[in-house]
Amino acid sequence: MSANRTTSESADLNWYKSSHSGPDGGDCVEVAKAPDVIHIRDSKNTQGPVLRFPIREWTAFLSHTAVRPPTGN
């Protein structure tokens, strides 16, 4: 995983936000897909750091969260 990026790299990506996000942006993240990496950033700070996950790790994360109910309070 990496949080480094260049401005030109971010500008070349197509960012998507959840359709459940309100008009004010709320507490959402935006996601962009590159050929072998998923980029994730804070929708309120689009010039801030970007997390990058290899497709394989992102797919494993989604598979795990889809089958596990949330725990906690």
C-alpha atoms as a PDB file:
ATOM      1  CA  MET A   1       0.000   0.000   0.000  1.00  0.00           C
ATOM      2  CA  SER A   2       1.232   3.495  -0.729  1.00  0.00           C
ATOM      3  CA  ALA A   3       0.083   7.039  -0.053  1.00  0.00           C
ATOM      4  CA  ASN A   4       2.440   8.752  -2.502  1.00  0.00           C
ATOM      5  CA  ARG A   5       1.222  10.258  -5.754  1.00  0.00           C
ATOM      6  CA  THR A   6       1.855  13.027  -8.197  1.00  0.00           C
ATOM      7  CA  THR A   7      -0.624  15.710  -9.229  1.00  0.00           C
ATOM      8  CA  SER A   8      -0.541  14.541 -12.840  1.00  0.00           C
ATOM      9  CA  GLU A   9      -1.267  10.964 -11.772  1.00  0.00           C
ATOM     10  CA  SER A  10      -4.373  12.060  -9.859  1.00  0.00           C
ATOM     11  CA  ALA A  11      -5.561  14.236 -12.737  1.00  0.00           C
ATOM     12  CA  ASP A  12      -5.398  11.283 -15.131  1.00  0.00           C
ATOM     13  CA  LEU A  13      -7.728   9.143 -13.006  1.00  0.00           C
ATOM     14  CA  ASN A  14     -11.528   8.953 -13.143  1.00  0.00           C
ATOM     15  CA  TRP A  15     -12.722   9.239  -9.550  1.00  0.00           C
ATOM     16  CA  TYR A  16     -16.050   7.795  -8.358  1.00  0.00           C
ATOM     17  CA  LYS A  17     -18.032   8.456  -5.190  1.00  0.00           C
ATOM     18  CA  SER A  18     -20.876   6.399  -3.767  1.00  0.00           C
ATOM     19  CA  SER A  19     -24.357   7.227  -5.017  1.00  0.00           C
ATOM     20  CA  HIS A  20     -25.331   7.216  -1.307  1.00  0.00           C
ATOM     21  CA  SER A  21     -23.126  10.254  -0.689  1.00  0.00           C
ATOM     22  CA  GLY A  22     -25.110  13.392   0.034  1.00  0.00           C
ATOM     23  CA  PRO A  23     -24.793  16.675  -1.879  1.00  0.00           C
ATOM     24  CA  ASP A  24     -22.442  18.102   0.785  1.00  0.00           C
ATOM     25  CA  GLY A  25     -19.891  15.320   0.279  1.00  0.00           C
ATOM     26  CA  GLY A  26     -20.224  14.021   3.812  1.00  0.00           C
ATOM     27  CA  ASP A  27     -17.753  11.503   5.124  1.00  0.00           C
ATOM     28  CA  CYS A  28     -17.080   9.715   1.855  1.00  0.00           C
ATOM     29  CA  VAL A  29     -14.163   8.320  -0.001  1.00  0.00           C
ATOM     30  CA  GLU A  30     -13.592   8.384  -3.735  1.00  0.00           C
ATOM     31  CA  VAL A  31     -12.212   5.451  -5.681  1.00  0.00           C
ATOM     32  CA  ALA A  32     -10.351   5.327  -8.992  1.00  0.00           C
ATOM     33  CA  LYS A  33      -9.261   2.195 -10.844  1.00  0.00           C
ATOM     34  CA  ALA A  34      -5.996   1.922 -12.740  1.00  0.00           C
ATOM     35  CA  PRO A  35      -4.960  -1.234 -14.636  1.00  0.00           C
ATOM     36  CA  ASP A  36      -3.395  -2.943 -11.613  1.00  0.00           C
ATOM     37  CA  VAL A  37      -4.154  -0.646  -8.658  1.00  0.00           C
ATOM     38  CA  ILE A  38      -7.156   0.815  -6.814  1.00  0.00           C
ATOM     39  CA  HIS A  39      -6.709   4.413  -5.591  1.00  0.00           C
ATOM     40  CA  ILE A  40      -8.711   5.715  -2.610  1.00  0.00           C
ATOM     41  CA  ARG A  41      -8.894   9.299  -1.331  1.00  0.00           C
ATOM     42  CA  ASP A  42     -10.956  11.462   1.023  1.00  0.00           C
ATOM     43  CA  SER A  43     -13.710  13.243  -0.910  1.00  0.00           C
ATOM     44  CA  LYS A  44     -13.297  16.332   1.297  1.00  0.00           C
ATOM     45  CA  ASN A  45      -9.547  16.557   0.616  1.00  0.00           C
ATOM     46  CA  THR A  46      -9.041  15.607  -3.019  1.00  0.00           C
ATOM     47  CA  GLN A  47      -5.530  17.097  -3.052  1.00  0.00           C
ATOM     48  CA  GLY A  48      -4.520  15.072   0.019  1.00  0.00           C
ATOM     49  CA  PRO A  49      -2.883  11.663   0.253  1.00  0.00           C
ATOM     50  CA  VAL A  50      -4.100   8.745  -1.834  1.00  0.00           C
ATOM     51  CA  LEU A  51      -4.014   5.129  -0.701  1.00  0.00           C
ATOM     52  CA  ARG A  52      -3.133   2.587  -3.374  1.00  0.00           C
ATOM     53  CA  PHE A  53      -3.958  -1.108  -3.186  1.00  0.00           C
ATOM     54  CA  PRO A  54      -3.009  -3.813  -5.674  1.00  0.00           C
ATOM     55  CA  ILE A  55      -6.142  -5.194  -7.349  1.00  0.00           C
ATOM     56  CA  ARG A  56      -5.596  -8.593  -5.725  1.00  0.00           C
ATOM     57  CA  GLU A  57      -5.520  -7.114  -2.197  1.00  0.00           C
ATOM     58  CA  TRP A  58      -8.544  -4.890  -2.865  1.00  0.00           C
ATOM     59  CA  THR A  59     -10.534  -7.852  -4.200  1.00  0.00           C
ATOM     60  CA  ALA A  60      -9.632  -9.903  -1.110  1.00  0.00           C
ATOM     61  CA  PHE A  61     -10.698  -7.018   1.153  1.00  0.00           C
ATOM     62  CA  LEU A  62     -14.065  -6.681  -0.602  1.00  0.00           C
ATOM     63  CA  SER A  63     -14.650 -10.438  -0.494  1.00  0.00           C
ATOM     64  CA  HIS A  64     -13.907 -10.523   3.230  1.00  0.00           C
ATOM     65  CA  THR A  65     -16.126  -7.562   4.099  1.00  0.00           C
ATOM     66  CA  ALA A  66     -19.001  -8.833   1.958  1.00  0.00           C
ATOM     67  CA  VAL A  67     -19.288 -12.068   3.954  1.00  0.00           C
ATOM     68  CA  ARG A  68     -18.556 -10.771   7.452  1.00  0.00           C
ATOM     69  CA  PRO A  69     -21.174  -8.854   9.439  1.00  0.00           C
ATOM     70  CA  PRO A  70     -19.861  -5.746  11.222  1.00  0.00           C
ATOM     71  CA  THR A  71     -18.866  -6.176  14.852  1.00  0.00           C
ATOM     72  CA  GLY A  72     -18.580  -3.682  17.670  1.00  0.00           C
ATOM     73  CA  ASN A  73     -20.942  -1.367  19.483  1.00  0.00           C
END
